[in-house]
Amino acid sequence: MKQLLAILSCFIILTSAHAAGRNWTLANVNGGDFSITNDNGGRPSLLVFWATWCKPCKAELDAMKGTLDDLNKRGMNVLLVAEDNQKSKSRVKPFLDTKGYGWTALHDPDGEVLKLYGGTSIPFTVMLDKDGAPVFENRGEMKDPTAMLAKANQLIESAGE
């Protein structure tokens, strides 16, 4: 039993340290900066990595608009993380404004935050618990959000307790 507790303690400490290593700040497309450690409000977050030139990304955003709006209203930080480079990043805000996406949108032009979560291509979605630890990921276009919604509902309910 003691050995199991020791292993569990090490796992918890390593997981916490690993999550704490993911402190990042990105430019908000509406001005200013967003820091995951200071601006998440102690709420779970959904990071959707995408770009204006990525057709599957744009299809996913269109298909998931109602779902993302609902999650945002219920207490999940919905963060669109644009992987547009310096040449195309000027297209991000006009695209989002045209589509009426009201979620927080950030620029990650060098893909540094994408890499922090193990992303290698987009679309890529990562859900973080209220402490910033990754608890769900989806690589590629999310065609069925069932698993993501189950995890989101669990996090939102536990945050409300």
C-alpha atoms as a PDB file:
ATOM      1  CA  MET A   1       0.000   0.000   0.000  1.00  0.00           C
ATOM      2  CA  LYS A   2       2.833   2.392   0.895  1.00  0.00           C
ATOM      3  CA  GLN A   3       4.487   1.672  -2.438  1.00  0.00           C
ATOM      4  CA  LEU A   4       1.260   2.471  -4.298  1.00  0.00           C
ATOM      5  CA  LEU A   5       0.882   5.744  -2.395  1.00  0.00           C
ATOM      6  CA  ALA A   6       4.488   6.662  -3.151  1.00  0.00           C
ATOM      7  CA  ILE A   7       3.971   6.002  -6.869  1.00  0.00           C
ATOM      8  CA  LEU A   8       0.742   7.985  -6.859  1.00  0.00           C
ATOM      9  CA  SER A   9       2.419  10.903  -5.072  1.00  0.00           C
ATOM     10  CA  CYS A  10       5.258  10.961  -7.619  1.00  0.00           C
ATOM     11  CA  PHE A  11       2.747  10.891 -10.466  1.00  0.00           C
ATOM     12  CA  ILE A  12       0.787  13.820  -9.002  1.00  0.00           C
ATOM     13  CA  ILE A  13       3.951  15.856  -8.427  1.00  0.00           C
ATOM     14  CA  LEU A  14       5.264  15.140 -11.936  1.00  0.00           C
ATOM     15  CA  THR A  15       1.904  15.933 -13.512  1.00  0.00           C
ATOM     16  CA  SER A  16       1.681  19.228 -11.632  1.00  0.00           C
ATOM     17  CA  ALA A  17       5.217  20.172 -12.578  1.00  0.00           C
ATOM     18  CA  HIS A  18       4.543  19.229 -16.185  1.00  0.00           C
ATOM     19  CA  ALA A  19       1.400  21.404 -16.278  1.00  0.00           C
ATOM     20  CA  ALA A  20       3.205  24.260 -14.572  1.00  0.00           C
ATOM     21  CA  GLY A  21       5.819  24.187 -17.342  1.00  0.00           C
ATOM     22  CA  ARG A  22       3.149  25.233 -19.789  1.00  0.00           C
ATOM     23  CA  ASN A  23       3.017  28.887 -18.806  1.00  0.00           C
ATOM     24  CA  TRP A  24       2.582  30.949 -21.934  1.00  0.00           C
ATOM     25  CA  THR A  25       1.387  34.317 -23.130  1.00  0.00           C
ATOM     26  CA  LEU A  26       0.131  35.117 -26.624  1.00  0.00           C
ATOM     27  CA  ALA A  27      -1.069  38.278 -28.329  1.00  0.00           C
ATOM     28  CA  ASN A  28      -4.852  38.668 -28.404  1.00  0.00           C
ATOM     29  CA  VAL A  29      -6.144  39.576 -31.889  1.00  0.00           C
ATOM     30  CA  ASN A  30      -8.180  42.377 -30.260  1.00  0.00           C
ATOM     31  CA  GLY A  31      -5.101  43.838 -28.578  1.00  0.00           C
ATOM     32  CA  GLY A  32      -3.181  43.107 -25.427  1.00  0.00           C
ATOM     33  CA  ASP A  33      -1.923  39.738 -24.295  1.00  0.00           C
ATOM     34  CA  PHE A  34      -3.513  36.598 -22.881  1.00  0.00           C
ATOM     35  CA  SER A  35      -1.651  34.520 -20.298  1.00  0.00           C
ATOM     36  CA  ILE A  36      -2.940  31.016 -19.613  1.00  0.00           C
ATOM     37  CA  THR A  37      -1.803  31.260 -15.991  1.00  0.00           C
ATOM     38  CA  ASN A  38      -3.220  34.737 -15.301  1.00  0.00           C
ATOM     39  CA  ASP A  39      -6.222  35.135 -17.591  1.00  0.00           C
ATOM     40  CA  ASN A  40      -8.033  31.794 -17.532  1.00  0.00           C
ATOM     41  CA  GLY A  41     -10.049  32.818 -14.472  1.00  0.00           C
ATOM     42  CA  GLY A  42      -9.521  29.452 -12.788  1.00  0.00           C
ATOM     43  CA  ARG A  43     -11.755  27.855 -15.414  1.00  0.00           C
ATOM     44  CA  PRO A  44     -11.134  24.952 -17.775  1.00  0.00           C
ATOM     45  CA  SER A  45     -10.009  25.956 -21.274  1.00  0.00           C
ATOM     46  CA  LEU A  46     -10.451  24.560 -24.758  1.00  0.00           C
ATOM     47  CA  LEU A  47      -7.614  25.483 -27.128  1.00  0.00           C
ATOM     48  CA  VAL A  48      -8.536  25.149 -30.795  1.00  0.00           C
ATOM     49  CA  PHE A  49      -5.429  25.470 -32.981  1.00  0.00           C
ATOM     50  CA  TRP A  50      -6.289  26.574 -36.528  1.00  0.00           C
ATOM     51  CA  ALA A  51      -5.314  28.939 -39.381  1.00  0.00           C
ATOM     52  CA  THR A  52      -7.127  31.011 -41.985  1.00  0.00           C
ATOM     53  CA  TRP A  53      -5.518  28.986 -44.792  1.00  0.00           C
ATOM     54  CA  CYS A  54      -6.581  25.611 -43.308  1.00  0.00           C
ATOM     55  CA  LYS A  55      -9.801  24.326 -44.921  1.00  0.00           C
ATOM     56  CA  PRO A  56     -10.415  21.511 -42.382  1.00  0.00           C
ATOM     57  CA  CYS A  57      -9.883  24.050 -39.563  1.00  0.00           C
ATOM     58  CA  LYS A  58     -12.470  26.426 -40.971  1.00  0.00           C
ATOM     59  CA  ALA A  59     -14.920  23.560 -41.579  1.00  0.00           C
ATOM     60  CA  GLU A  60     -14.478  22.442 -37.971  1.00  0.00           C
ATOM     61  CA  LEU A  61     -15.073  25.955 -36.608  1.00  0.00           C
ATOM     62  CA  ASP A  62     -18.248  26.307 -38.688  1.00  0.00           C
ATOM     63  CA  ALA A  63     -19.539  22.887 -37.618  1.00  0.00           C
ATOM     64  CA  MET A  64     -18.677  23.437 -33.949  1.00  0.00           C
ATOM     65  CA  LYS A  65     -19.895  27.053 -33.596  1.00  0.00           C
ATOM     66  CA  GLY A  66     -23.019  26.187 -31.575  1.00  0.00           C
ATOM     67  CA  THR A  67     -21.123  23.718 -29.400  1.00  0.00           C
ATOM     68  CA  LEU A  68     -18.302  26.160 -28.692  1.00  0.00           C
ATOM     69  CA  ASP A  69     -20.774  28.969 -27.957  1.00  0.00           C
ATOM     70  CA  ASP A  70     -22.564  26.696 -25.472  1.00  0.00           C
ATOM     71  CA  LEU A  71     -19.338  25.620 -23.757  1.00  0.00           C
ATOM     72  CA  ASN A  72     -18.249  29.257 -23.493  1.00  0.00           C
ATOM     73  CA  LYS A  73     -21.590  30.277 -21.925  1.00  0.00           C
ATOM     74  CA  ARG A  74     -21.342  27.413 -19.440  1.00  0.00           C
ATOM     75  CA  GLY A  75     -17.915  28.437 -18.146  1.00  0.00           C
ATOM     76  CA  MET A  76     -15.306  26.955 -20.475  1.00  0.00           C
ATOM     77  CA  ASN A  77     -12.679  29.341 -21.858  1.00  0.00           C
ATOM     78  CA  VAL A  78     -12.805  28.830 -25.617  1.00  0.00           C
ATOM     79  CA  LEU A  79      -9.504  29.977 -27.084  1.00  0.00           C
ATOM     80  CA  LEU A  80      -8.918  30.033 -30.824  1.00  0.00           C
ATOM     81  CA  VAL A  81      -5.176  29.866 -31.347  1.00  0.00           C
ATOM     82  CA  ALA A  82      -4.307  31.044 -34.857  1.00  0.00           C
ATOM     83  CA  GLU A  83      -1.212  29.451 -36.363  1.00  0.00           C
ATOM     84  CA  ASP A  84      -1.100  32.014 -39.159  1.00  0.00           C
ATOM     85  CA  ASN A  85       2.436  33.259 -39.799  1.00  0.00           C
ATOM     86  CA  GLN A  86       3.528  36.892 -40.064  1.00  0.00           C
ATOM     87  CA  LYS A  87       2.344  37.080 -43.705  1.00  0.00           C
ATOM     88  CA  SER A  88      -1.185  35.794 -43.095  1.00  0.00           C
ATOM     89  CA  LYS A  89      -1.875  36.849 -39.494  1.00  0.00           C
ATOM     90  CA  SER A  90      -3.546  40.086 -40.684  1.00  0.00           C
ATOM     91  CA  ARG A  91      -6.377  37.894 -42.063  1.00  0.00           C
ATOM     92  CA  VAL A  92      -7.285  36.398 -38.680  1.00  0.00           C
ATOM     93  CA  LYS A  93      -9.353  39.194 -37.112  1.00  0.00           C
ATOM     94  CA  PRO A  94     -11.353  40.021 -40.293  1.00  0.00           C
ATOM     95  CA  PHE A  95     -12.121  36.314 -40.756  1.00  0.00           C
ATOM     96  CA  LEU A  96     -13.323  35.918 -37.166  1.00  0.00           C
ATOM     97  CA  ASP A  97     -15.370  39.140 -37.321  1.00  0.00           C
ATOM     98  CA  THR A  98     -17.039  38.043 -40.565  1.00  0.00           C
ATOM     99  CA  LYS A  99     -17.966  34.680 -39.054  1.00  0.00           C
ATOM    100  CA  GLY A 100     -19.197  36.188 -35.783  1.00  0.00           C
ATOM    101  CA  TYR A 101     -16.947  34.053 -33.621  1.00  0.00           C
ATOM    102  CA  GLY A 102     -16.921  35.806 -30.265  1.00  0.00           C
ATOM    103  CA  TRP A 103     -14.396  33.611 -28.478  1.00  0.00           C
ATOM    104  CA  THR A 104     -10.967  34.769 -27.365  1.00  0.00           C
ATOM    105  CA  ALA A 105      -8.611  34.617 -30.349  1.00  0.00           C
ATOM    106  CA  LEU A 106      -4.848  34.518 -30.013  1.00  0.00           C
ATOM    107  CA  HIS A 107      -1.839  34.563 -32.356  1.00  0.00           C
ATOM    108  CA  ASP A 108       0.764  31.770 -32.198  1.00  0.00           C
ATOM    109  CA  PRO A 109       2.694  32.626 -35.394  1.00  0.00           C
ATOM    110  CA  ASP A 110       5.694  30.413 -34.622  1.00  0.00           C
ATOM    111  CA  GLY A 111       3.641  27.449 -33.365  1.00  0.00           C
ATOM    112  CA  GLU A 112       5.343  27.498 -29.980  1.00  0.00           C
ATOM    113  CA  VAL A 113       2.182  26.898 -27.916  1.00  0.00           C
ATOM    114  CA  LEU A 114       1.018  24.252 -30.394  1.00  0.00           C
ATOM    115  CA  LYS A 115       4.306  22.406 -29.796  1.00  0.00           C
ATOM    116  CA  LEU A 116       3.979  22.738 -26.002  1.00  0.00           C
ATOM    117  CA  TYR A 117       0.929  20.467 -26.165  1.00  0.00           C
ATOM    118  CA  GLY A 118       2.456  17.998 -28.632  1.00  0.00           C
ATOM    119  CA  GLY A 119       0.718  19.366 -31.701  1.00  0.00           C
ATOM    120  CA  THR A 120       2.435  18.848 -35.029  1.00  0.00           C
ATOM    121  CA  SER A 121      -0.318  19.875 -37.415  1.00  0.00           C
ATOM    122  CA  ILE A 122      -3.715  21.588 -37.430  1.00  0.00           C
ATOM    123  CA  PRO A 123      -6.540  21.377 -36.674  1.00  0.00           C
ATOM    124  CA  PHE A 124      -5.583  20.321 -33.170  1.00  0.00           C
ATOM    125  CA  THR A 125      -7.720  20.698 -30.050  1.00  0.00           C
ATOM    126  CA  VAL A 126      -6.579  20.454 -26.432  1.00  0.00           C
ATOM    127  CA  MET A 127      -8.732  20.754 -23.307  1.00  0.00           C
ATOM    128  CA  LEU A 128      -7.124  21.942 -20.083  1.00  0.00           C
ATOM    129  CA  ASP A 129      -8.526  21.535 -16.608  1.00  0.00           C
ATOM    130  CA  LYS A 130      -8.817  24.611 -14.360  1.00  0.00           C
ATOM    131  CA  ASP A 131      -5.184  24.131 -13.289  1.00  0.00           C
ATOM    132  CA  GLY A 132      -3.914  24.088 -16.881  1.00  0.00           C
ATOM    133  CA  ALA A 133      -3.226  20.355 -17.162  1.00  0.00           C
ATOM    134  CA  PRO A 134      -4.198  18.757 -20.499  1.00  0.00           C
ATOM    135  CA  VAL A 135      -7.060  16.284 -20.091  1.00  0.00           C
ATOM    136  CA  PHE A 136      -8.234  15.764 -23.695  1.00  0.00           C
ATOM    137  CA  GLU A 137      -6.856  16.169 -27.194  1.00  0.00           C
ATOM    138  CA  ASN A 138      -8.080  15.676 -30.739  1.00  0.00           C
ATOM    139  CA  ARG A 139      -5.784  15.592 -33.756  1.00  0.00           C
ATOM    140  CA  GLY A 140      -7.314  16.514 -37.093  1.00  0.00           C
ATOM    141  CA  GLU A 141     -10.798  17.802 -37.822  1.00  0.00           C
ATOM    142  CA  MET A 142     -13.227  16.928 -35.027  1.00  0.00           C
ATOM    143  CA  LYS A 143     -16.167  15.313 -36.771  1.00  0.00           C
ATOM    144  CA  ASP A 144     -17.760  13.820 -33.645  1.00  0.00           C
ATOM    145  CA  PRO A 145     -17.492  15.937 -30.491  1.00  0.00           C
ATOM    146  CA  THR A 146     -19.056  13.318 -28.181  1.00  0.00           C
ATOM    147  CA  ALA A 147     -15.865  12.445 -26.255  1.00  0.00           C
ATOM    148  CA  MET A 148     -14.828  16.098 -26.025  1.00  0.00           C
ATOM    149  CA  LEU A 149     -18.255  17.110 -24.716  1.00  0.00           C
ATOM    150  CA  ALA A 150     -18.250  14.344 -22.101  1.00  0.00           C
ATOM    151  CA  LYS A 151     -14.919  15.591 -20.735  1.00  0.00           C
ATOM    152  CA  ALA A 152     -16.034  19.258 -20.957  1.00  0.00           C
ATOM    153  CA  ASN A 153     -19.259  18.522 -19.069  1.00  0.00           C
ATOM    154  CA  GLN A 154     -17.270  16.736 -16.359  1.00  0.00           C
ATOM    155  CA  LEU A 155     -14.888  19.703 -15.956  1.00  0.00           C
ATOM    156  CA  ILE A 156     -17.647  22.318 -15.998  1.00  0.00           C
ATOM    157  CA  GLU A 157     -19.682  20.423 -13.409  1.00  0.00           C
ATOM    158  CA  SER A 158     -16.689  19.952 -11.101  1.00  0.00           C
ATOM    159  CA  ALA A 159     -15.758  23.660 -11.458  1.00  0.00           C
ATOM    160  CA  GLY A 160     -19.267  24.630 -10.355  1.00  0.00           C
ATOM    161  CA  GLU A 161     -19.118  22.640  -7.124  1.00  0.00           C
END
